[in-house]
């Protein structure tokens, strides 16, 4: 899979950008962070290598960077 940048709504009015690598696994379920059943996708968070579930509904946009842009990208939280 390819690394992508996702802009996520944190649910508190703030947004953040994350560099992730989707694993290709998606399921209609819930967990502690997402208590209502919904589509969650699994991805490796490139900041620490952890595999996490992300709510599809929280993704505001997907950015597929070029290799050159990826090398220069520094992901930091965005103001809402």
N, C-alpha and C. Protein backbone atom coordinates (compact mmCIF):
# COMPACT_ATOMS: atom_id res chain seq x y z
N UNK A 1 0.84 -1.18 0.00
CA UNK A 1 0.00 0.00 0.00
C UNK A 1 0.88 1.24 0.00
N UNK A 2 0.28 2.33 -0.38
CA UNK A 2 0.97 3.60 -0.49
C UNK A 2 0.66 4.48 0.72
N UNK A 3 1.64 5.28 1.11
CA UNK A 3 1.40 6.23 2.20
C UNK A 3 0.53 7.37 1.68
N UNK A 4 -0.39 7.80 2.53
CA UNK A 4 -1.27 8.91 2.20
C UNK A 4 -1.34 9.84 3.40
N UNK A 5 -1.74 11.06 3.12
CA UNK A 5 -1.98 12.02 4.19
C UNK A 5 -3.48 12.14 4.32
N UNK A 6 -3.97 12.03 5.55
CA UNK A 6 -5.40 12.21 5.79
C UNK A 6 -5.58 13.40 6.73
N UNK A 7 -6.59 14.19 6.44
CA UNK A 7 -6.97 15.27 7.35
C UNK A 7 -8.17 14.74 8.12
N UNK A 8 -8.04 14.69 9.44
CA UNK A 8 -9.02 14.08 10.32
C UNK A 8 -9.70 15.13 11.17
N UNK A 9 -11.01 14.98 11.35
CA UNK A 9 -11.78 15.79 12.29
C UNK A 9 -11.68 15.09 13.64
N UNK A 10 -11.15 15.78 14.65
CA UNK A 10 -10.97 15.19 15.98
C UNK A 10 -12.25 15.07 16.78
N UNK A 11 -13.35 15.62 16.28
CA UNK A 11 -14.61 15.54 16.99
C UNK A 11 -14.81 16.65 18.00
N UNK A 12 -13.79 17.46 18.23
CA UNK A 12 -13.90 18.58 19.16
C UNK A 12 -13.76 19.92 18.44
N UNK A 13 -13.94 19.90 17.14
CA UNK A 13 -13.80 21.12 16.34
C UNK A 13 -12.41 21.34 15.79
N UNK A 14 -11.45 20.52 16.22
CA UNK A 14 -10.09 20.65 15.71
C UNK A 14 -9.83 19.61 14.62
N UNK A 15 -8.79 19.85 13.86
CA UNK A 15 -8.39 18.94 12.79
C UNK A 15 -6.93 18.61 12.93
N UNK A 16 -6.53 17.48 12.38
CA UNK A 16 -5.10 17.18 12.33
C UNK A 16 -4.81 16.43 11.05
N UNK A 17 -3.58 16.55 10.62
CA UNK A 17 -3.10 15.85 9.43
C UNK A 17 -2.22 14.70 9.91
N UNK A 18 -2.43 13.54 9.32
CA UNK A 18 -1.66 12.35 9.66
C UNK A 18 -1.12 11.70 8.40
N UNK A 19 0.09 11.22 8.50
CA UNK A 19 0.66 10.41 7.43
C UNK A 19 0.43 8.97 7.81
N UNK A 20 -0.35 8.26 7.00
CA UNK A 20 -0.71 6.88 7.32
C UNK A 20 -0.48 5.98 6.11
N UNK A 21 -0.39 4.71 6.38
CA UNK A 21 -0.32 3.71 5.32
C UNK A 21 -1.47 2.73 5.53
N UNK A 22 -2.56 2.86 4.76
CA UNK A 22 -3.69 1.94 4.93
C UNK A 22 -3.25 0.49 4.72
N UNK A 23 -3.79 -0.40 5.53
CA UNK A 23 -3.45 -1.82 5.41
C UNK A 23 -4.35 -2.54 4.42
N UNK A 24 -5.47 -1.90 4.06
CA UNK A 24 -6.42 -2.53 3.16
C UNK A 24 -7.57 -3.19 3.90
N UNK A 25 -7.55 -3.16 5.23
CA UNK A 25 -8.62 -3.75 6.02
C UNK A 25 -9.61 -2.67 6.46
N UNK A 26 -10.87 -2.94 6.23
CA UNK A 26 -11.93 -2.02 6.62
C UNK A 26 -13.08 -2.86 7.16
N UNK A 27 -13.72 -2.37 8.21
CA UNK A 27 -14.83 -3.14 8.78
C UNK A 27 -15.91 -2.22 9.35
N UNK A 28 -17.11 -2.73 9.39
CA UNK A 28 -18.25 -2.01 9.95
C UNK A 28 -18.38 -2.47 11.39
N UNK A 29 -17.88 -1.65 12.33
CA UNK A 29 -17.81 -2.07 13.72
C UNK A 29 -17.72 -0.85 14.62
N UNK A 30 -17.35 -1.06 15.87
CA UNK A 30 -17.15 0.02 16.83
C UNK A 30 -15.98 -0.35 17.72
N UNK A 31 -15.47 0.65 18.44
CA UNK A 31 -14.43 0.41 19.44
C UNK A 31 -14.57 1.49 20.52
N UNK A 32 -13.62 1.57 21.42
CA UNK A 32 -13.72 2.53 22.52
C UNK A 32 -13.76 3.98 22.03
N UNK A 33 -13.01 4.29 21.00
CA UNK A 33 -12.98 5.66 20.47
C UNK A 33 -14.15 5.96 19.55
N UNK A 34 -14.75 4.93 18.99
CA UNK A 34 -15.86 5.06 18.04
C UNK A 34 -17.00 4.17 18.54
N UNK A 35 -17.78 4.64 19.54
CA UNK A 35 -18.78 3.79 20.19
C UNK A 35 -19.99 3.39 19.34
N UNK A 36 -20.22 4.09 18.24
CA UNK A 36 -21.33 3.71 17.35
C UNK A 36 -20.78 2.93 16.17
N UNK A 37 -21.52 1.91 15.73
CA UNK A 37 -21.07 1.11 14.58
C UNK A 37 -20.95 2.00 13.35
N UNK A 38 -19.84 1.90 12.68
CA UNK A 38 -19.56 2.69 11.49
C UNK A 38 -18.38 2.04 10.75
N UNK A 39 -18.07 2.58 9.58
CA UNK A 39 -16.95 2.05 8.81
C UNK A 39 -15.65 2.58 9.41
N UNK A 40 -14.79 1.64 9.81
CA UNK A 40 -13.46 1.95 10.34
C UNK A 40 -12.43 1.31 9.42
N UNK A 41 -11.38 2.06 9.11
CA UNK A 41 -10.31 1.49 8.31
C UNK A 41 -9.04 1.41 9.14
N UNK A 42 -8.25 0.40 8.85
CA UNK A 42 -7.01 0.16 9.57
C UNK A 42 -5.86 0.78 8.80
N UNK A 43 -4.96 1.46 9.53
CA UNK A 43 -3.80 2.07 8.89
C UNK A 43 -2.65 2.13 9.88
N UNK A 44 -1.45 2.15 9.34
CA UNK A 44 -0.25 2.31 10.15
C UNK A 44 0.04 3.80 10.25
N UNK A 45 0.04 4.32 11.46
CA UNK A 45 0.37 5.72 11.70
C UNK A 45 1.88 5.86 11.56
N UNK A 46 2.33 6.61 10.58
CA UNK A 46 3.76 6.71 10.30
C UNK A 46 4.54 7.50 11.35
N UNK A 47 3.85 8.20 12.25
CA UNK A 47 4.55 8.95 13.29
C UNK A 47 5.17 8.02 14.34
N UNK A 48 4.52 6.87 14.57
CA UNK A 48 5.05 5.96 15.59
C UNK A 48 4.98 4.48 15.20
N UNK A 49 4.47 4.18 14.01
CA UNK A 49 4.42 2.80 13.54
C UNK A 49 3.27 1.98 14.10
N UNK A 50 2.38 2.62 14.87
CA UNK A 50 1.25 1.90 15.48
C UNK A 50 0.15 1.66 14.45
N UNK A 51 -0.49 0.50 14.56
CA UNK A 51 -1.65 0.19 13.73
C UNK A 51 -2.87 0.70 14.47
N UNK A 52 -3.66 1.53 13.78
CA UNK A 52 -4.82 2.13 14.41
C UNK A 52 -6.04 1.99 13.51
N UNK A 53 -7.22 2.13 14.13
CA UNK A 53 -8.48 2.20 13.39
C UNK A 53 -8.90 3.67 13.30
N UNK A 54 -9.31 4.07 12.11
CA UNK A 54 -9.76 5.44 11.85
C UNK A 54 -11.18 5.37 11.31
N UNK A 55 -12.03 6.28 11.76
CA UNK A 55 -13.40 6.33 11.27
C UNK A 55 -13.42 7.01 9.90
N UNK A 56 -13.98 6.32 8.93
CA UNK A 56 -14.09 6.89 7.58
C UNK A 56 -14.84 8.22 7.62
N UNK A 57 -15.85 8.32 8.47
CA UNK A 57 -16.67 9.54 8.56
C UNK A 57 -15.87 10.74 9.08
N UNK A 58 -14.75 10.49 9.79
CA UNK A 58 -13.94 11.58 10.33
C UNK A 58 -12.92 12.13 9.33
N UNK A 59 -12.74 11.44 8.20
CA UNK A 59 -11.76 11.89 7.20
C UNK A 59 -12.37 13.02 6.39
N UNK A 60 -11.73 14.17 6.46
CA UNK A 60 -12.19 15.34 5.71
C UNK A 60 -11.63 15.36 4.30
N UNK A 61 -10.39 14.85 4.14
CA UNK A 61 -9.81 14.75 2.80
C UNK A 61 -8.64 13.79 2.83
N UNK A 62 -8.36 13.22 1.67
CA UNK A 62 -7.24 12.33 1.43
C UNK A 62 -6.28 13.04 0.49
N UNK A 63 -5.00 12.97 0.78
CA UNK A 63 -3.98 13.57 -0.09
C UNK A 63 -2.98 12.46 -0.43
N UNK A 64 -2.79 12.22 -1.70
CA UNK A 64 -1.82 11.22 -2.13
C UNK A 64 -0.59 11.99 -2.64
N UNK A 65 0.45 12.07 -1.81
CA UNK A 65 1.62 12.89 -2.17
C UNK A 65 2.56 12.17 -3.13
N UNK A 66 3.30 12.96 -3.89
CA UNK A 66 4.37 12.41 -4.72
C UNK A 66 5.52 12.01 -3.78
N UNK A 67 6.44 11.23 -4.28
CA UNK A 67 7.59 10.83 -3.44
C UNK A 67 8.38 12.05 -2.98
N UNK A 68 8.56 13.03 -3.87
CA UNK A 68 9.31 14.24 -3.51
C UNK A 68 8.58 15.02 -2.42
N UNK A 69 7.27 15.16 -2.57
CA UNK A 69 6.50 15.88 -1.57
C UNK A 69 6.50 15.14 -0.24
N UNK A 70 6.46 13.82 -0.29
CA UNK A 70 6.46 13.01 0.91
C UNK A 70 7.76 13.20 1.69
N UNK A 71 8.86 13.31 0.97
CA UNK A 71 10.16 13.50 1.62
C UNK A 71 10.24 14.84 2.34
N UNK A 72 9.50 15.84 1.86
CA UNK A 72 9.55 17.18 2.43
C UNK A 72 8.43 17.43 3.44
N UNK A 73 7.49 16.52 3.56
CA UNK A 73 6.31 16.75 4.39
C UNK A 73 6.61 16.64 5.86
N UNK A 74 6.16 17.65 6.59
CA UNK A 74 6.17 17.62 8.04
C UNK A 74 4.73 17.81 8.47
N UNK A 75 4.15 16.78 9.04
CA UNK A 75 2.76 16.82 9.44
C UNK A 75 2.65 17.43 10.83
N UNK A 76 1.79 18.42 10.95
CA UNK A 76 1.53 19.02 12.25
C UNK A 76 0.05 19.35 12.34
N UNK A 77 -0.48 19.49 13.56
CA UNK A 77 -1.90 19.79 13.69
C UNK A 77 -2.27 21.10 13.00
N UNK A 78 -3.47 21.13 12.44
CA UNK A 78 -3.99 22.33 11.78
C UNK A 78 -4.98 23.02 12.71
N UNK A 79 -5.06 24.30 12.61
CA UNK A 79 -6.11 25.02 13.33
C UNK A 79 -7.42 24.75 12.63
N UNK A 80 -8.48 24.73 13.38
CA UNK A 80 -9.81 24.47 12.81
C UNK A 80 -10.24 25.64 11.95
